[in-house]
N, C-alpha and C. Protein backbone atom coordinates (compact mmCIF):
# COMPACT_ATOMS: atom_id res chain seq x y z
N MET A 1 243.20 -88.95 -74.87
CA MET A 1 244.57 -88.46 -74.90
C MET A 1 244.60 -86.95 -74.87
N ASP A 2 245.62 -86.40 -74.21
CA ASP A 2 245.74 -84.95 -74.20
C ASP A 2 246.66 -84.49 -75.32
N ALA A 3 247.02 -83.22 -75.33
CA ALA A 3 247.76 -82.62 -76.42
C ALA A 3 249.14 -83.24 -76.63
N VAL A 4 249.76 -83.77 -75.60
CA VAL A 4 251.10 -84.34 -75.76
C VAL A 4 251.06 -85.83 -76.05
N GLY A 5 249.89 -86.40 -76.19
CA GLY A 5 249.77 -87.78 -76.60
C GLY A 5 249.78 -88.80 -75.49
N SER A 6 249.73 -88.37 -74.24
CA SER A 6 249.71 -89.35 -73.15
C SER A 6 248.27 -89.73 -72.85
N GLU A 7 248.12 -90.82 -72.16
CA GLU A 7 246.79 -91.27 -71.78
C GLU A 7 246.33 -90.52 -70.54
N ASP A 8 245.19 -90.90 -70.02
CA ASP A 8 244.64 -90.24 -68.84
C ASP A 8 245.66 -90.26 -67.70
N PRO A 9 245.69 -89.20 -66.88
CA PRO A 9 246.63 -89.18 -65.75
C PRO A 9 246.31 -90.28 -64.75
N ILE A 10 247.35 -90.74 -64.10
CA ILE A 10 247.20 -91.77 -63.08
C ILE A 10 246.74 -91.09 -61.80
N PRO A 11 245.64 -91.55 -61.21
CA PRO A 11 245.16 -90.90 -59.99
C PRO A 11 246.11 -91.13 -58.82
N VAL A 12 246.20 -90.13 -57.97
CA VAL A 12 247.02 -90.20 -56.77
C VAL A 12 246.10 -90.52 -55.60
N THR A 13 246.47 -91.54 -54.85
CA THR A 13 245.66 -91.91 -53.70
C THR A 13 246.29 -91.37 -52.42
N GLU A 14 245.46 -91.19 -51.40
CA GLU A 14 245.96 -90.68 -50.13
C GLU A 14 246.96 -91.68 -49.55
N GLY A 15 248.07 -91.16 -49.07
CA GLY A 15 249.09 -92.00 -48.48
C GLY A 15 250.07 -92.57 -49.48
N GLN A 16 249.92 -92.24 -50.75
CA GLN A 16 250.82 -92.75 -51.79
C GLN A 16 252.19 -92.07 -51.71
N PHE A 17 252.21 -90.85 -51.16
CA PHE A 17 253.45 -90.09 -51.02
C PHE A 17 253.66 -89.71 -49.57
N VAL A 18 254.92 -89.52 -49.19
CA VAL A 18 255.26 -89.03 -47.86
C VAL A 18 256.18 -87.83 -48.02
N THR A 19 256.19 -87.00 -47.01
CA THR A 19 257.05 -85.82 -47.01
C THR A 19 258.17 -86.04 -46.01
N LEU A 20 259.40 -85.89 -46.48
CA LEU A 20 260.57 -85.98 -45.62
C LEU A 20 261.10 -84.56 -45.44
N VAL A 21 261.30 -84.13 -44.20
CA VAL A 21 261.68 -82.76 -43.91
C VAL A 21 263.08 -82.72 -43.31
N SER A 22 263.94 -81.91 -43.90
CA SER A 22 265.32 -81.78 -43.43
C SER A 22 265.39 -80.84 -42.23
N ASN A 23 266.57 -80.77 -41.62
CA ASN A 23 266.73 -79.91 -40.44
C ASN A 23 266.68 -78.43 -40.80
N ASP A 24 266.82 -78.09 -42.08
CA ASP A 24 266.69 -76.69 -42.51
C ASP A 24 265.35 -76.46 -43.23
N ASP A 25 264.38 -77.31 -42.91
CA ASP A 25 262.97 -77.19 -43.33
C ASP A 25 262.70 -77.32 -44.84
N PHE A 26 263.58 -77.95 -45.57
CA PHE A 26 263.27 -78.30 -46.95
C PHE A 26 262.41 -79.55 -46.92
N LYS A 27 261.40 -79.59 -47.77
CA LYS A 27 260.49 -80.73 -47.81
C LYS A 27 260.68 -81.49 -49.12
N PHE A 28 260.83 -82.80 -48.99
CA PHE A 28 260.98 -83.69 -50.14
C PHE A 28 259.78 -84.63 -50.16
N ILE A 29 259.02 -84.56 -51.21
CA ILE A 29 257.85 -85.43 -51.36
C ILE A 29 258.27 -86.62 -52.21
N VAL A 30 258.24 -87.79 -51.61
CA VAL A 30 258.68 -89.01 -52.30
C VAL A 30 257.57 -90.06 -52.20
N SER A 31 257.64 -91.03 -53.08
CA SER A 31 256.65 -92.10 -53.01
C SER A 31 256.84 -92.87 -51.71
N ARG A 32 255.76 -93.31 -51.16
CA ARG A 32 255.81 -94.08 -49.91
C ARG A 32 256.65 -95.34 -50.12
N LYS A 33 256.50 -95.97 -51.27
CA LYS A 33 257.25 -97.18 -51.58
C LYS A 33 258.76 -96.92 -51.53
N ALA A 34 259.20 -95.79 -52.09
CA ALA A 34 260.62 -95.45 -52.06
C ALA A 34 261.08 -95.16 -50.64
N ALA A 35 260.29 -94.40 -49.88
CA ALA A 35 260.67 -94.05 -48.50
C ALA A 35 260.79 -95.29 -47.62
N LEU A 36 260.00 -96.32 -47.92
CA LEU A 36 260.04 -97.54 -47.12
C LEU A 36 261.30 -98.37 -47.36
N GLU A 37 262.16 -97.91 -48.28
CA GLU A 37 263.47 -98.55 -48.44
C GLU A 37 264.32 -98.33 -47.19
N SER A 38 263.96 -97.34 -46.39
CA SER A 38 264.64 -97.07 -45.13
C SER A 38 263.93 -97.82 -44.01
N GLY A 39 264.68 -98.62 -43.28
CA GLY A 39 264.09 -99.33 -42.15
C GLY A 39 263.55 -98.39 -41.09
N THR A 40 264.24 -97.29 -40.87
CA THR A 40 263.80 -96.30 -39.87
C THR A 40 262.49 -95.66 -40.29
N VAL A 41 262.41 -95.21 -41.53
CA VAL A 41 261.18 -94.58 -42.03
C VAL A 41 260.05 -95.61 -42.03
N LYS A 42 260.36 -96.83 -42.42
CA LYS A 42 259.35 -97.88 -42.45
C LYS A 42 258.75 -98.09 -41.06
N ASN A 43 259.60 -98.13 -40.04
CA ASN A 43 259.11 -98.30 -38.67
C ASN A 43 258.26 -97.11 -38.22
N MET A 44 258.65 -95.92 -38.65
CA MET A 44 257.91 -94.72 -38.24
C MET A 44 256.55 -94.63 -38.93
N LEU A 45 256.48 -95.12 -40.17
CA LEU A 45 255.24 -94.98 -40.94
C LEU A 45 254.31 -96.19 -40.82
N SER A 46 254.85 -97.34 -40.46
CA SER A 46 253.98 -98.51 -40.46
C SER A 46 254.27 -99.46 -39.30
N GLY A 47 254.96 -98.99 -38.30
CA GLY A 47 255.28 -99.84 -37.16
C GLY A 47 254.08 -100.02 -36.24
N PRO A 48 254.22 -100.89 -35.26
CA PRO A 48 253.11 -101.15 -34.33
C PRO A 48 252.81 -99.95 -33.43
N ALA A 49 253.81 -99.10 -33.16
CA ALA A 49 253.57 -97.92 -32.34
C ALA A 49 252.86 -96.86 -33.17
N MET A 50 252.11 -96.03 -32.52
CA MET A 50 251.38 -94.98 -33.23
C MET A 50 252.21 -93.69 -33.24
N PHE A 51 253.05 -93.54 -34.24
CA PHE A 51 253.84 -92.33 -34.39
C PHE A 51 252.99 -91.25 -35.06
N ASP A 52 253.24 -89.99 -34.72
CA ASP A 52 252.56 -88.89 -35.40
C ASP A 52 252.85 -88.91 -36.89
N GLU A 53 254.04 -89.36 -37.26
CA GLU A 53 254.43 -89.41 -38.67
C GLU A 53 253.47 -90.28 -39.48
N GLU A 54 252.98 -91.34 -38.88
CA GLU A 54 252.06 -92.24 -39.58
C GLU A 54 250.76 -91.53 -39.93
N ASP A 55 250.26 -90.71 -39.02
CA ASP A 55 249.01 -89.98 -39.27
C ASP A 55 249.19 -88.87 -40.29
N GLN A 56 250.34 -88.20 -40.25
CA GLN A 56 250.57 -87.03 -41.09
C GLN A 56 251.28 -87.34 -42.40
N ASN A 57 251.81 -88.54 -42.56
CA ASN A 57 252.63 -88.89 -43.73
C ASN A 57 253.79 -87.92 -43.90
N GLU A 58 254.36 -87.49 -42.80
CA GLU A 58 255.49 -86.56 -42.82
C GLU A 58 256.48 -86.97 -41.75
N VAL A 59 257.76 -87.02 -42.14
CA VAL A 59 258.81 -87.40 -41.20
C VAL A 59 259.85 -86.28 -41.18
N SER A 60 260.16 -85.78 -39.99
CA SER A 60 261.16 -84.72 -39.85
C SER A 60 262.46 -85.32 -39.33
N PHE A 61 263.55 -84.87 -39.93
CA PHE A 61 264.88 -85.33 -39.53
C PHE A 61 265.66 -84.13 -39.01
N ARG A 62 265.77 -84.02 -37.70
CA ARG A 62 266.43 -82.88 -37.08
C ARG A 62 267.94 -82.89 -37.26
N GLU A 63 268.49 -84.02 -37.65
CA GLU A 63 269.94 -84.13 -37.78
C GLU A 63 270.42 -84.17 -39.23
N ILE A 64 269.52 -84.16 -40.19
CA ILE A 64 269.92 -84.33 -41.60
C ILE A 64 269.65 -83.06 -42.39
N PRO A 65 270.71 -82.42 -42.93
CA PRO A 65 270.52 -81.21 -43.74
C PRO A 65 269.95 -81.55 -45.13
N SER A 66 269.40 -80.55 -45.78
CA SER A 66 268.71 -80.77 -47.06
C SER A 66 269.61 -81.34 -48.14
N HIS A 67 270.87 -80.90 -48.22
CA HIS A 67 271.74 -81.43 -49.28
C HIS A 67 272.01 -82.92 -49.10
N VAL A 68 271.96 -83.41 -47.87
CA VAL A 68 272.14 -84.84 -47.61
C VAL A 68 270.82 -85.58 -47.84
N LEU A 69 269.72 -85.02 -47.36
CA LEU A 69 268.42 -85.68 -47.52
C LEU A 69 268.04 -85.80 -49.00
N GLU A 70 268.43 -84.83 -49.79
CA GLU A 70 268.18 -84.90 -51.23
C GLU A 70 268.86 -86.11 -51.85
N ARG A 71 270.11 -86.34 -51.47
CA ARG A 71 270.86 -87.50 -51.98
C ARG A 71 270.27 -88.80 -51.43
N VAL A 72 269.81 -88.78 -50.20
CA VAL A 72 269.18 -89.95 -49.59
C VAL A 72 267.91 -90.32 -50.37
N CYS A 73 267.11 -89.32 -50.71
CA CYS A 73 265.89 -89.57 -51.48
C CYS A 73 266.23 -90.17 -52.84
N SER A 74 267.27 -89.65 -53.47
CA SER A 74 267.73 -90.22 -54.76
C SER A 74 268.13 -91.68 -54.58
N TYR A 75 268.81 -91.97 -53.48
CA TYR A 75 269.22 -93.34 -53.22
C TYR A 75 268.03 -94.26 -52.99
N PHE A 76 266.98 -93.78 -52.32
CA PHE A 76 265.78 -94.61 -52.13
C PHE A 76 265.23 -95.07 -53.48
N TYR A 77 265.14 -94.16 -54.43
CA TYR A 77 264.63 -94.51 -55.76
C TYR A 77 265.60 -95.45 -56.49
N TYR A 78 266.89 -95.19 -56.34
CA TYR A 78 267.92 -96.05 -56.94
C TYR A 78 267.79 -97.48 -56.39
N LYS A 79 267.70 -97.59 -55.07
CA LYS A 79 267.59 -98.90 -54.43
C LYS A 79 266.30 -99.61 -54.83
N MET A 80 265.21 -98.87 -54.88
CA MET A 80 263.92 -99.45 -55.25
C MET A 80 263.98 -99.99 -56.68
N ARG A 81 264.63 -99.23 -57.56
CA ARG A 81 264.69 -99.64 -58.98
C ARG A 81 265.58 -100.86 -59.19
N TYR A 82 266.72 -100.93 -58.52
CA TYR A 82 267.71 -101.96 -58.83
C TYR A 82 267.72 -103.16 -57.89
N THR A 83 266.96 -103.15 -56.81
CA THR A 83 266.87 -104.33 -55.96
C THR A 83 266.19 -105.44 -56.74
N ASN A 84 266.80 -106.60 -56.75
CA ASN A 84 266.31 -107.78 -57.48
C ASN A 84 266.22 -107.56 -58.99
N SER A 85 267.04 -106.67 -59.52
CA SER A 85 267.05 -106.38 -60.94
C SER A 85 267.98 -107.35 -61.68
N ASN A 86 267.59 -107.70 -62.88
CA ASN A 86 268.42 -108.58 -63.70
C ASN A 86 269.37 -107.79 -64.60
N GLN A 87 269.17 -106.49 -64.67
CA GLN A 87 270.02 -105.67 -65.52
C GLN A 87 271.27 -105.23 -64.77
N GLU A 88 272.24 -104.73 -65.52
CA GLU A 88 273.47 -104.25 -64.90
C GLU A 88 273.15 -103.04 -64.03
N ILE A 89 273.68 -103.03 -62.83
CA ILE A 89 273.39 -101.96 -61.88
C ILE A 89 274.46 -100.88 -61.99
N PRO A 90 274.05 -99.66 -62.34
CA PRO A 90 275.03 -98.58 -62.44
C PRO A 90 275.50 -98.14 -61.06
N GLU A 91 276.65 -97.53 -61.03
CA GLU A 91 277.21 -97.05 -59.77
C GLU A 91 276.38 -95.87 -59.25
N PHE A 92 276.16 -95.85 -57.96
CA PHE A 92 275.54 -94.69 -57.31
C PHE A 92 276.70 -93.82 -56.84
N ALA A 93 277.05 -92.85 -57.66
CA ALA A 93 278.25 -92.03 -57.41
C ALA A 93 278.06 -91.14 -56.19
N ILE A 94 279.08 -91.12 -55.36
CA ILE A 94 279.10 -90.28 -54.17
C ILE A 94 280.41 -89.50 -54.17
N ALA A 95 280.29 -88.19 -54.11
CA ALA A 95 281.48 -87.34 -54.06
C ALA A 95 282.18 -87.51 -52.71
N PRO A 96 283.51 -87.47 -52.71
CA PRO A 96 284.25 -87.65 -51.45
C PRO A 96 283.84 -86.66 -50.35
N ASP A 97 283.50 -85.43 -50.75
CA ASP A 97 283.17 -84.43 -49.73
C ASP A 97 281.80 -84.64 -49.10
N GLU A 98 280.98 -85.53 -49.67
CA GLU A 98 279.67 -85.81 -49.07
C GLU A 98 279.59 -87.21 -48.47
N ALA A 99 280.64 -87.97 -48.60
CA ALA A 99 280.63 -89.38 -48.18
C ALA A 99 280.36 -89.56 -46.69
N LEU A 100 281.02 -88.79 -45.84
CA LEU A 100 280.85 -88.97 -44.39
C LEU A 100 279.42 -88.66 -43.95
N GLU A 101 278.87 -87.53 -44.43
CA GLU A 101 277.50 -87.18 -44.04
C GLU A 101 276.49 -88.20 -44.56
N LEU A 102 276.71 -88.71 -45.76
CA LEU A 102 275.79 -89.73 -46.31
C LEU A 102 275.90 -91.04 -45.55
N LEU A 103 277.10 -91.39 -45.16
CA LEU A 103 277.30 -92.61 -44.37
C LEU A 103 276.57 -92.51 -43.03
N MET A 104 276.67 -91.37 -42.39
CA MET A 104 276.00 -91.19 -41.10
C MET A 104 274.48 -91.22 -41.27
N ALA A 105 273.97 -90.59 -42.35
CA ALA A 105 272.53 -90.59 -42.61
C ALA A 105 272.06 -92.00 -42.93
N ALA A 106 272.82 -92.72 -43.75
CA ALA A 106 272.44 -94.09 -44.12
C ALA A 106 272.42 -94.99 -42.90
N ASN A 107 273.36 -94.81 -42.00
CA ASN A 107 273.40 -95.60 -40.77
C ASN A 107 272.15 -95.32 -39.92
N PHE A 108 271.82 -94.05 -39.76
CA PHE A 108 270.63 -93.68 -38.98
C PHE A 108 269.36 -94.20 -39.63
N LEU A 109 269.27 -94.08 -40.95
CA LEU A 109 268.06 -94.44 -41.66
C LEU A 109 267.95 -95.92 -41.96
N ASP A 110 268.99 -96.69 -41.66
CA ASP A 110 268.99 -98.12 -41.95
C ASP A 110 268.65 -98.33 -43.44
N ALA A 111 269.43 -97.63 -44.27
CA ALA A 111 269.17 -97.69 -45.72
C ALA A 111 270.32 -98.36 -46.44
């Protein structure tokens, strides 16, 4: 145990995380499992075609700004946590001023 009382750190394996890049070059590092909540990302990272994204574990979105991609990443984790959950599912709050951009991103990402 270390000074804060936790056990040994969990090792990170190659390919456990992917980088999602917004159109303004912000990079979001998320777990591969969370990113695969998107059908589009899933196809790019593990589809039968050999996409460059699969080799690099990085996906660039030329049409999605960072403030939208940040919310999308949050939603991936939300969806991963509450899919098939027996507990009460809290609302994923979306502000009215971001609703249209998130809807368009969700449609593109098949999320």
